[in-house]
Protein backbone atom coordinates (compact mmCIF):
# COMPACT_ATOMS: atom_id res chain seq x y z
CA MET A 1 -44.14 9.49 27.53
CA ASP A 2 -45.91 8.75 30.81
CA TYR A 3 -44.39 10.83 34.51
CA ILE A 4 -44.39 9.12 37.46
CA SER A 5 -43.99 10.37 41.06
CA THR A 6 -40.66 9.33 43.28
CA ARG A 7 -43.09 8.46 46.23
CA GLY A 8 -45.40 6.04 44.27
CA GLN A 9 -48.47 7.02 45.20
CA ALA A 10 -49.83 9.91 42.52
CA PRO A 11 -51.52 8.89 39.21
CA LEU A 12 -49.31 8.92 35.90
CA LEU A 13 -49.06 12.22 33.96
CA ASP A 14 -48.32 13.32 30.71
CA PHE A 15 -45.55 15.80 30.15
CA GLU A 16 -48.51 18.98 30.27
CA ARG A 17 -50.23 18.17 33.51
CA ALA A 18 -46.66 16.80 34.92
CA THR A 19 -45.59 21.10 34.14
CA LEU A 20 -49.11 22.33 35.31
CA ARG A 21 -48.78 20.24 38.34
CA GLY A 22 -45.12 21.11 39.21
CA LEU A 23 -45.26 18.64 42.59
CA ALA A 24 -47.01 15.51 42.81
CA ASP A 25 -50.25 14.81 44.95
CA ASP A 26 -48.38 12.34 46.84
CA GLY A 27 -45.67 14.83 47.75
CA GLY A 28 -43.20 13.15 45.26
CA LEU A 29 -41.22 14.85 42.00
CA TYR A 30 -42.47 13.95 38.62
CA LEU A 31 -39.54 12.52 36.33
CA PRO A 32 -40.42 10.00 33.21
CA SER A 33 -40.89 6.24 33.50
CA SER A 34 -38.10 5.39 31.30
CA TRP A 35 -35.20 8.04 29.80
CA PRO A 36 -35.33 8.90 25.70
CA VAL A 37 -32.12 7.58 24.25
CA LEU A 38 -30.26 9.41 21.31
CA SER A 39 -28.13 7.23 19.35
CA HIS A 40 -24.43 8.01 18.08
CA ASP A 41 -25.55 8.98 14.79
CA GLU A 42 -28.15 11.48 16.33
CA MET A 43 -25.78 12.99 18.07
CA HIS A 44 -23.16 13.15 15.37
CA ASP A 45 -25.99 14.98 13.23
CA LEU A 46 -26.55 17.19 15.68
CA GLN A 47 -23.23 18.61 15.98
CA GLY A 48 -22.85 22.16 14.77
CA HIS A 49 -26.50 23.18 14.65
CA SER A 50 -28.17 25.98 16.55
CA TYR A 51 -29.05 26.17 20.40
CA PRO A 52 -32.76 26.58 19.28
CA ASP A 53 -32.58 23.30 16.94
CA LEU A 54 -30.67 21.08 19.24
CA ALA A 55 -32.79 22.47 22.28
CA LEU A 56 -35.51 21.17 20.27
CA CYS A 57 -34.51 17.61 19.88
CA ILE A 58 -34.04 17.47 23.07
CA ILE A 59 -37.51 18.85 24.53
CA GLU A 60 -39.59 16.89 21.76
CA LYS A 61 -38.15 13.89 23.40
CA PHE A 62 -39.96 14.57 26.86
CA THR A 63 -43.47 16.62 25.43
CA GLY A 64 -44.30 13.49 23.34
CA ASP A 65 -47.73 13.86 21.93
CA CYS A 66 -49.21 16.81 24.18
CA LEU A 67 -46.48 18.80 22.50
CA PRO A 68 -45.05 18.33 18.68
CA GLY A 69 -42.49 19.21 17.21
CA GLU A 70 -44.18 22.21 15.13
CA ALA A 71 -45.88 23.63 18.27
CA LEU A 72 -43.19 23.52 20.29
CA ARG A 73 -40.67 25.22 18.25
CA PRO A 74 -42.08 28.74 18.36
CA LEU A 75 -41.67 28.43 22.09
CA ILE A 76 -37.73 28.20 22.07
CA ASP A 77 -37.13 30.56 19.23
CA GLU A 78 -39.28 33.08 21.06
CA ALA A 79 -37.19 31.99 24.29
CA CYS A 80 -33.90 31.91 23.02
CA ALA A 81 -34.49 35.46 21.58
CA ARG A 82 -34.05 36.82 24.68
CA PHE A 83 -30.54 35.65 25.09
CA ARG A 84 -27.87 38.55 23.83
CA HIS A 85 -25.19 36.26 22.98
CA ASP A 86 -25.39 34.46 19.37
CA ALA A 87 -24.41 31.04 20.53
CA VAL A 88 -26.77 31.20 23.88
CA ALA A 89 -24.84 29.31 25.78
CA PRO A 90 -20.80 29.93 24.34
CA VAL A 91 -17.95 28.17 25.44
CA LYS A 92 -14.61 29.59 26.05
CA GLN A 93 -11.32 27.92 26.95
CA LEU A 94 -9.60 29.12 30.32
CA ASP A 95 -6.52 26.14 30.05
CA ASP A 96 -5.72 23.24 28.51
CA ARG A 97 -8.53 20.76 30.25
CA LEU A 98 -10.68 23.63 31.57
CA PHE A 99 -13.87 25.11 29.60
CA LEU A 100 -16.34 27.00 31.02
CA MET A 101 -19.62 27.45 29.68
CA GLU A 102 -21.66 30.82 30.08
CA LEU A 103 -24.99 30.51 30.87
CA PHE A 104 -25.22 33.96 32.05
CA HIS A 105 -26.14 35.84 28.60
CA GLY A 106 -29.95 35.65 29.62
CA PRO A 107 -32.59 38.75 30.71
CA THR A 108 -31.34 38.23 34.49
CA LEU A 109 -28.17 37.00 33.50
CA ALA A 110 -28.45 33.66 35.55
CA PHE A 111 -28.19 30.16 33.97
CA LYS A 112 -31.86 29.98 35.34
CA ASP A 113 -32.87 31.62 32.20
CA TYR A 114 -32.60 28.47 29.97
CA ALA A 115 -34.70 26.75 31.35
CA LEU A 116 -37.71 29.77 32.78
CA GLN A 117 -37.44 31.57 29.49
CA ILE A 118 -39.15 28.48 27.73
CA LEU A 119 -40.67 26.76 31.17
CA GLY A 120 -42.90 30.40 31.36
CA ARG A 121 -44.14 29.89 27.80
CA LEU A 122 -45.29 26.46 28.19
CA PHE A 123 -47.36 27.41 30.98
CA GLN A 124 -48.73 30.08 28.55
CA HIS A 125 -49.12 27.71 25.94
CA PHE A 126 -51.11 24.80 27.85
CA LEU A 127 -53.31 26.91 29.89
CA VAL A 128 -54.74 29.10 27.13
CA ARG A 129 -55.57 26.41 25.15
CA ARG A 130 -57.22 24.68 28.49
CA SER A 131 -58.90 28.12 28.65
CA GLN A 132 -57.60 27.63 32.49
CA THR A 133 -55.47 30.41 34.47
CA CYS A 134 -53.12 28.97 37.60
CA THR A 135 -51.00 30.22 40.53
CA ILE A 136 -47.35 29.74 40.71
CA LEU A 137 -45.96 29.56 43.99
CA GLY A 138 -41.89 29.63 44.13
CA ALA A 139 -39.04 29.89 46.51
CA THR A 140 -35.70 31.37 45.55
CA SER A 141 -32.25 31.28 47.03
CA GLY A 142 -31.57 34.24 44.47
CA ASP A 143 -31.45 33.91 40.84
CA THR A 144 -34.90 31.56 39.76
CA GLY A 145 -37.15 34.38 41.64
CA SER A 146 -35.79 36.90 38.98
CA ALA A 147 -35.10 34.03 36.26
CA ALA A 148 -38.90 32.88 36.75
CA ILE A 149 -40.52 36.46 37.25
CA ALA A 150 -38.39 37.25 33.82
CA GLY A 151 -39.96 34.44 32.54
CA LEU A 152 -44.18 34.92 33.72
CA LYS A 153 -44.30 38.53 33.76
CA GLY A 154 -47.34 40.20 32.07
CA LEU A 155 -48.59 36.98 31.08
CA PRO A 156 -52.69 36.78 31.72
CA ALA A 157 -52.97 33.37 32.58
CA ILE A 158 -50.47 33.29 35.53
CA GLU A 159 -49.79 34.86 39.27
CA LEU A 160 -46.55 34.58 40.57
CA PHE A 161 -46.05 34.35 44.33
CA MET A 162 -42.26 34.09 44.51
CA LEU A 163 -40.70 34.13 48.50
CA HIS A 164 -36.76 35.12 48.69
CA PRO A 165 -35.33 34.89 52.11
CA HIS A 166 -35.11 38.75 53.69
CA ASN A 167 -31.21 40.04 53.41
CA ARG A 168 -30.36 36.49 52.51
CA VAL A 169 -29.86 37.83 48.52
CA SER A 170 -27.86 39.81 46.85
CA GLY A 171 -28.91 43.86 46.52
CA VAL A 172 -29.09 43.01 42.73
CA GLN A 173 -30.67 39.54 42.98
CA ARG A 174 -33.18 41.34 45.25
CA ARG A 175 -33.64 44.32 42.73
CA GLN A 176 -34.01 42.21 39.70
CA MET A 177 -37.07 40.89 41.69
CA THR A 178 -38.61 43.50 43.58
CA THR A 179 -38.67 45.69 40.69
CA VAL A 180 -40.87 44.26 38.50
CA LEU A 181 -44.50 46.00 39.06
CA ASP A 182 -46.12 44.22 36.51
CA ASP A 183 -49.51 43.37 37.92
CA ASN A 184 -48.99 39.45 38.18
CA ILE A 185 -45.76 39.40 39.96
CA HIS A 186 -45.67 39.24 43.55
CA ASN A 187 -42.30 39.05 45.88
CA ILE A 188 -42.47 38.05 49.25
CA ALA A 189 -39.62 38.93 51.93
CA VAL A 190 -39.98 35.65 54.32
CA GLU A 191 -37.83 35.81 57.46
CA GLY A 192 -35.83 33.02 57.59
CA THR A 193 -34.06 31.00 55.18
CA PHE A 194 -33.90 29.38 52.05
CA ASP A 195 -35.32 26.55 53.13
CA ASP A 196 -37.54 27.89 55.21
CA CYS A 197 -39.35 29.46 52.05
CA GLN A 198 -38.65 26.38 50.47
CA ASN A 199 -40.34 24.67 53.61
CA LEU A 200 -43.48 26.71 53.14
CA VAL A 201 -43.93 26.50 49.68
CA LYS A 202 -43.78 22.49 50.34
CA SER A 203 -46.35 22.87 52.74
CA LEU A 204 -49.05 24.70 50.66
CA PHE A 205 -48.56 22.24 48.11
CA ASN A 206 -49.40 19.27 50.22
CA ASP A 207 -52.46 21.12 51.51
CA LEU A 208 -54.65 19.56 48.44
CA ASP A 209 -57.67 21.62 49.17
CA PHE A 210 -55.70 25.07 48.90
CA LYS A 211 -53.46 23.74 45.98
CA THR A 212 -56.52 22.67 43.98
CA ALA A 213 -58.73 25.68 45.06
CA HIS A 214 -55.85 28.00 43.57
CA SER A 215 -54.44 25.57 40.68
CA LEU A 216 -50.92 25.98 42.26
CA SER A 217 -47.82 24.69 40.24
CA ALA A 218 -44.55 25.45 40.32
CA VAL A 219 -41.42 27.01 38.52
CA ASN A 220 -38.88 25.18 40.77
CA SER A 221 -36.71 22.71 39.70
CA ILE A 222 -39.21 20.73 41.16
CA ASN A 223 -41.24 20.93 38.33
CA TRP A 224 -39.80 18.31 36.28
CA ALA A 225 -40.28 20.54 32.84
CA ARG A 226 -37.22 23.06 34.35
CA ILE A 227 -34.50 19.80 34.45
CA ALA A 228 -35.74 18.88 30.69
CA ALA A 229 -34.55 22.06 29.12
CA GLN A 230 -31.75 22.66 31.10
CA VAL A 231 -29.99 19.18 29.55
CA VAL A 232 -29.63 20.95 26.57
CA TYR A 233 -27.06 22.74 27.28
CA TYR A 234 -24.63 19.76 28.37
CA PHE A 235 -25.63 18.52 24.92
CA ARG A 236 -24.11 21.78 23.64
CA ALA A 237 -21.06 22.04 25.54
CA ALA A 238 -20.16 18.30 24.54
CA LEU A 239 -20.53 18.42 21.08
CA ALA A 240 -19.08 21.59 20.85
CA LEU A 241 -16.39 19.39 22.16
CA GLY A 242 -15.67 16.40 19.90
CA ALA A 243 -19.09 14.36 21.47
CA PRO A 244 -20.33 11.76 20.93
CA GLU A 245 -16.79 10.28 19.75
CA ARG A 246 -14.81 11.76 23.11
CA GLU A 247 -16.08 11.67 26.42
CA ILE A 248 -16.48 14.60 28.63
CA SER A 249 -16.86 15.95 32.18
CA PHE A 250 -18.90 18.92 33.86
CA SER A 251 -18.07 20.64 37.08
CA VAL A 252 -21.34 22.28 38.38
CA PRO A 253 -21.65 24.92 41.47
CA THR A 254 -24.61 23.36 43.07
CA GLY A 255 -26.82 23.62 46.18
CA ASN A 256 -30.23 22.06 45.45
CA PHE A 257 -29.11 19.33 42.77
CA GLY A 258 -31.39 20.43 39.97
CA ASN A 259 -28.84 21.58 37.87
CA VAL A 260 -26.22 18.58 37.89
CA LEU A 261 -29.40 16.33 37.83
CA ALA A 262 -29.36 17.87 34.59
CA GLY A 263 -26.22 16.10 33.45
CA TYR A 264 -26.93 13.37 34.65
CA VAL A 265 -30.17 12.93 32.78
CA ALA A 266 -28.13 13.75 29.39
CA LYS A 267 -25.67 11.27 30.45
CA LYS A 268 -29.24 8.92 30.63
CA MET A 269 -29.69 9.68 27.31
CA GLY A 270 -26.32 8.73 25.63
CA LEU A 271 -24.42 11.84 26.35
CA PRO A 272 -20.59 10.21 26.82
CA ILE A 273 -20.13 11.58 30.24
CA ARG A 274 -17.03 10.71 32.32
CA LYS A 275 -18.20 12.58 35.36
CA LEU A 276 -19.82 14.93 37.34
CA ILE A 277 -18.07 17.16 39.23
CA ILE A 278 -20.44 18.76 42.14
CA GLY A 279 -18.78 21.98 43.72
CA SER A 280 -20.17 23.29 47.14
CA ASN A 281 -19.86 26.15 49.67
CA GLU A 282 -19.70 25.62 53.01
CA ASN A 283 -23.42 24.38 53.19
CA ASP A 284 -22.03 21.09 51.94
CA ILE A 285 -25.19 19.01 52.65
CA LEU A 286 -24.22 17.39 48.55
CA THR A 287 -20.22 17.07 49.38
CA ARG A 288 -21.25 15.04 52.74
CA PHE A 289 -23.34 12.88 50.89
CA PHE A 290 -20.81 12.10 48.32
CA GLU A 291 -18.17 11.53 50.88
CA THR A 292 -20.12 9.58 53.79
CA GLY A 293 -23.29 8.10 52.08
CA SER A 294 -25.44 10.03 54.69
CA MET A 295 -28.12 13.26 53.85
CA GLU A 296 -27.77 15.31 57.05
CA ARG A 297 -29.53 18.79 57.58
CA ARG A 298 -27.48 21.39 59.21
CA ASP A 299 -27.87 25.12 59.89
CA VAL A 300 -27.72 26.86 57.08
CA ARG A 301 -24.82 29.79 56.72
CA THR A 302 -24.40 33.07 54.96
CA THR A 303 -21.49 32.06 52.14
CA LEU A 304 -20.16 35.01 49.59
CA SER A 305 -22.53 32.07 47.32
CA PRO A 306 -25.95 32.94 48.50
CA SER A 307 -27.65 30.79 45.65
CA MET A 308 -26.02 27.92 47.17
CA ASP A 309 -26.67 28.29 50.76
CA ILE A 310 -29.31 25.30 51.13
CA GLY A 311 -29.53 23.20 53.20
CA ILE A 312 -31.89 20.39 51.75
CA SER A 313 -31.02 19.75 48.01
CA SER A 314 -34.96 18.87 47.24
CA ASN A 315 -33.59 17.54 43.55
CA PHE A 316 -31.71 14.90 44.94
CA GLU A 317 -34.71 12.69 45.46
CA ARG A 318 -35.03 12.21 41.93
CA TYR A 319 -31.53 10.85 41.76
CA LEU A 320 -31.88 8.76 45.15
CA PHE A 321 -35.11 7.28 43.26
CA GLU A 322 -33.00 6.31 40.47
CA LEU A 323 -30.16 5.33 42.51
CA VAL A 324 -32.89 2.49 44.33
CA ASP A 325 -33.93 1.26 40.91
CA HIS A 326 -37.77 3.44 41.42
CA ASP A 327 -38.60 1.25 44.37
CA SER A 328 -40.84 4.17 45.81
CA ASP A 329 -41.00 1.91 49.05
CA ARG A 330 -37.60 2.42 49.89
CA LEU A 331 -37.71 6.15 48.54
CA ASN A 332 -40.05 6.91 51.56
CA GLY A 333 -38.15 5.19 53.94
CA PHE A 334 -35.52 7.64 53.20
CA MET A 335 -37.73 10.49 53.05
CA HIS A 336 -39.58 9.44 56.32
CA GLU A 337 -36.55 9.09 58.31
CA PHE A 338 -35.21 12.73 56.83
CA GLN A 339 -38.25 14.19 57.56
CA GLU A 340 -38.31 12.56 61.27
CA ASN A 341 -34.62 12.47 62.32
CA GLY A 342 -32.82 14.94 59.86
CA ARG A 343 -30.46 12.34 58.32
CA PHE A 344 -31.06 9.34 55.91
CA GLU A 345 -28.23 6.75 54.88
CA VAL A 346 -28.05 4.77 52.23
CA GLY A 347 -25.29 2.36 52.64
CA ARG A 348 -22.09 1.11 50.75
CA ASP A 349 -23.25 -0.41 48.15
CA LEU A 350 -25.46 2.29 47.19
CA LEU A 351 -22.67 5.12 47.74
CA ALA A 352 -20.21 3.16 45.61
CA ARG A 353 -23.06 2.87 42.56
CA ALA A 354 -23.55 7.18 43.50
CA ARG A 355 -19.57 7.69 43.09
CA GLN A 356 -19.52 5.88 39.69
CA ASP A 357 -21.56 8.89 38.59
CA PHE A 358 -20.44 11.60 40.76
CA SER A 359 -17.96 13.11 43.33
CA ALA A 360 -18.20 16.43 45.21
CA TYR A 361 -15.85 19.16 46.85
CA ARG A 362 -16.31 22.46 49.29
CA LEU A 363 -15.00 25.86 48.87
CA THR A 364 -14.84 27.94 51.83
CA ASP A 365 -15.58 31.81 51.37
CA GLU A 366 -11.69 32.18 52.23
CA ASP A 367 -10.75 30.37 49.56
CA THR A 368 -13.45 31.65 47.19
CA ARG A 369 -12.14 34.62 47.33
CA LYS A 370 -8.45 33.12 46.77
CA ASP A 371 -9.48 31.52 44.17
CA ILE A 372 -11.17 34.16 41.93
CA LYS A 373 -8.63 36.12 42.25
CA THR A 374 -5.90 33.30 40.78
CA THR A 375 -8.27 32.56 38.45
CA PHE A 376 -8.30 36.53 37.67
CA ASP A 377 -4.65 36.82 37.41
CA ALA A 378 -4.08 33.60 35.42
CA THR A 379 -7.03 34.32 32.41
CA GLY A 380 -8.24 37.53 33.06
CA GLU A 381 -11.66 36.12 33.84
CA ILE A 382 -13.70 37.49 36.57
CA ILE A 383 -16.02 34.81 37.55
CA ASP A 384 -18.69 34.98 39.94
CA PRO A 385 -18.38 33.40 43.62
CA HIS A 386 -20.52 30.20 42.65
CA SER A 387 -19.19 29.44 39.12
CA ILE A 388 -15.59 29.45 40.88
CA ILE A 389 -16.26 27.05 42.98
CA GLY A 390 -17.03 24.68 40.15
CA VAL A 391 -13.69 25.96 38.69
CA SER A 392 -12.25 25.01 41.89
CA ALA A 393 -14.03 21.63 42.45
CA ALA A 394 -12.96 20.78 38.68
CA ARG A 395 -9.28 21.28 40.14
CA GLN A 396 -9.54 19.48 43.15
CA GLU A 397 -10.72 16.49 40.74
CA GLY A 398 -7.81 16.07 38.92
CA PHE A 399 -7.61 15.90 34.83
CA SER A 400 -7.53 13.18 32.54
CA ASP A 401 -7.78 13.13 29.00
CA ALA A 402 -11.24 14.17 29.05
CA PRO A 403 -12.21 18.03 29.17
CA VAL A 404 -13.73 19.40 31.51
CA VAL A 405 -16.53 22.43 31.51
CA VAL A 406 -17.44 24.16 34.11
CA LEU A 407 -21.39 25.61 34.06
CA ALA A 408 -20.43 29.38 35.06
CA THR A 409 -23.81 30.29 36.46
CA ALA A 410 -24.05 33.43 37.35
CA HIS A 411 -22.25 36.78 36.00
CA PRO A 412 -20.29 38.17 38.19
CA ALA A 413 -21.86 41.95 38.42
CA LYS A 414 -24.44 40.21 40.07
CA PHE A 415 -22.60 39.86 43.43
CA PRO A 416 -20.39 43.29 43.80
CA GLU A 417 -19.75 42.46 47.30
CA ALA A 418 -17.79 39.30 46.92
CA ILE A 419 -15.81 40.44 43.85
CA ARG A 420 -14.56 43.54 45.54
CA SER A 421 -13.86 41.62 48.15
CA ALA A 422 -11.61 39.34 46.15
CA LEU A 423 -10.50 41.86 43.30
CA GLY A 424 -10.71 45.49 44.92
CA PHE A 425 -13.16 46.20 42.41
CA GLU A 426 -16.41 45.52 40.39
CA ALA A 427 -17.65 43.80 37.63
CA PRO A 428 -19.75 46.40 35.44
CA LEU A 429 -23.30 45.64 35.74
CA PRO A 430 -24.55 45.14 32.09
CA ALA A 431 -25.98 48.19 30.27
CA GLN A 432 -29.39 46.41 30.17
CA LEU A 433 -29.28 46.83 34.35
CA ALA A 434 -27.47 49.95 34.17
CA ASP A 435 -30.45 52.17 36.20
CA LEU A 436 -31.39 49.05 38.71
CA PHE A 437 -30.80 51.01 41.97
CA ALA A 438 -32.70 53.74 40.76
CA LEU A 439 -35.68 51.94 40.20
CA GLU A 440 -38.97 51.55 42.47
CA GLU A 441 -39.54 48.09 44.72
CA ARG A 442 -42.59 46.44 45.81
CA CYS A 443 -42.43 43.69 47.68
CA ALA A 444 -43.88 42.18 50.64
CA HIS A 445 -42.63 40.89 54.49
CA LEU A 446 -43.81 37.83 55.97
CA PRO A 447 -43.47 35.79 58.53
CA ASP A 448 -42.14 32.32 58.19
CA CYS A 449 -45.62 31.07 58.33
CA ALA A 450 -47.66 29.01 56.64
CA ALA A 451 -51.63 30.42 57.80
CA SER A 452 -49.83 34.41 57.03
CA LEU A 453 -48.36 33.12 53.34
CA LYS A 454 -52.21 31.55 52.47
CA ARG A 455 -53.70 34.95 54.01
CA PHE A 456 -51.50 37.16 51.59
CA ILE A 457 -52.35 34.84 48.71
CA GLU A 458 -55.72 34.70 49.38
CA THR A 459 -56.24 38.66 49.74
CA THR A 460 -54.06 38.93 47.03
CA LEU A 461 -56.11 36.76 44.38
CA ALA A 462 -59.68 37.88 46.10
């Protein structure tokens, strides 16, 4: 399978090279040149299969000849063994039409584990095969960082530099990163927002001399392999609820668009998804786009759902590329306009097409607290401040005959302040994190400055 860049100026790559490269040299994002499709019979035959079996079937569609099933299967088995629930991604019913898929049973209690446990093993497999090493550079609004660290710590072929916005992630999220003291893990707190961290990462990737000299690659959702791994749990939930004979909708709390993009990919692969519902917090760049057709950057607000405190949805570029029928010139026009003016507008026709796949809603902090309590009183479920936005978005959308699955993206114990403000008590930390606040931390602090970040990386690697 060939991988193309959204910007249209990078060479075709296979899955291995696209994974190791991360961001394309032309600044674009890689995605398959065509979508693999599962037939009705293939999906029917997958009903009842284990999560590793399903993951093998889905991910193998994207790896092509560079990683056949017999080499891929042990990597998937090793990754799935890190999850605490036998089902890996269990689905539970909240009411007659609403279901919750718990994506927090991995080592860092967040949905990012489902991709990053596999991605870390893919990196190690490819690098060892090539007798190479690489430097991973990433930015996190909270959960990607800890999940990447859990997936990459101790791997001899990889050095990981992970940026997070100083004082803008929860204490649990921060400590899940900074208490990992393996020699190949380097945490950096940046004075700024998540978007500032993400812009620093992109700046270094766009410096092709620096990128080449240090073999830079990415584990953020700009890396296609992460999206491919996340497609699996959409199939898992839909098949458990009657697909392919039955349509399913999904409600996804998202800021960076990567998680819901995986649902769009599942739909392109043939999964009968009726609607993909987006839930935003007060940083509602996605909701505003699907309301107006305008993508507009605004200042980022600090909210109860910090992993969604994002002002630029970097993965949206892949969907926009699909929306303009792979017209890279048109895509580049939108991206240039956004870079220059902080906004672009797609027009009525493209907006109408986008609304056929997606709808989008927002939730304020006040309503987040209220809905956490309302849902707890009605069901007994403690739902974290991100996932509850997915619950609210599903309810705002309204229900048809298609069941709606909300992606529960994090364990509520990761956000004790938000849960306490809504319920008056905290969700207890699972046993695996009981001593988290007693552990030593290690973290560098840097300004929002690309030159400072370059010097830090060069000095550390030296």
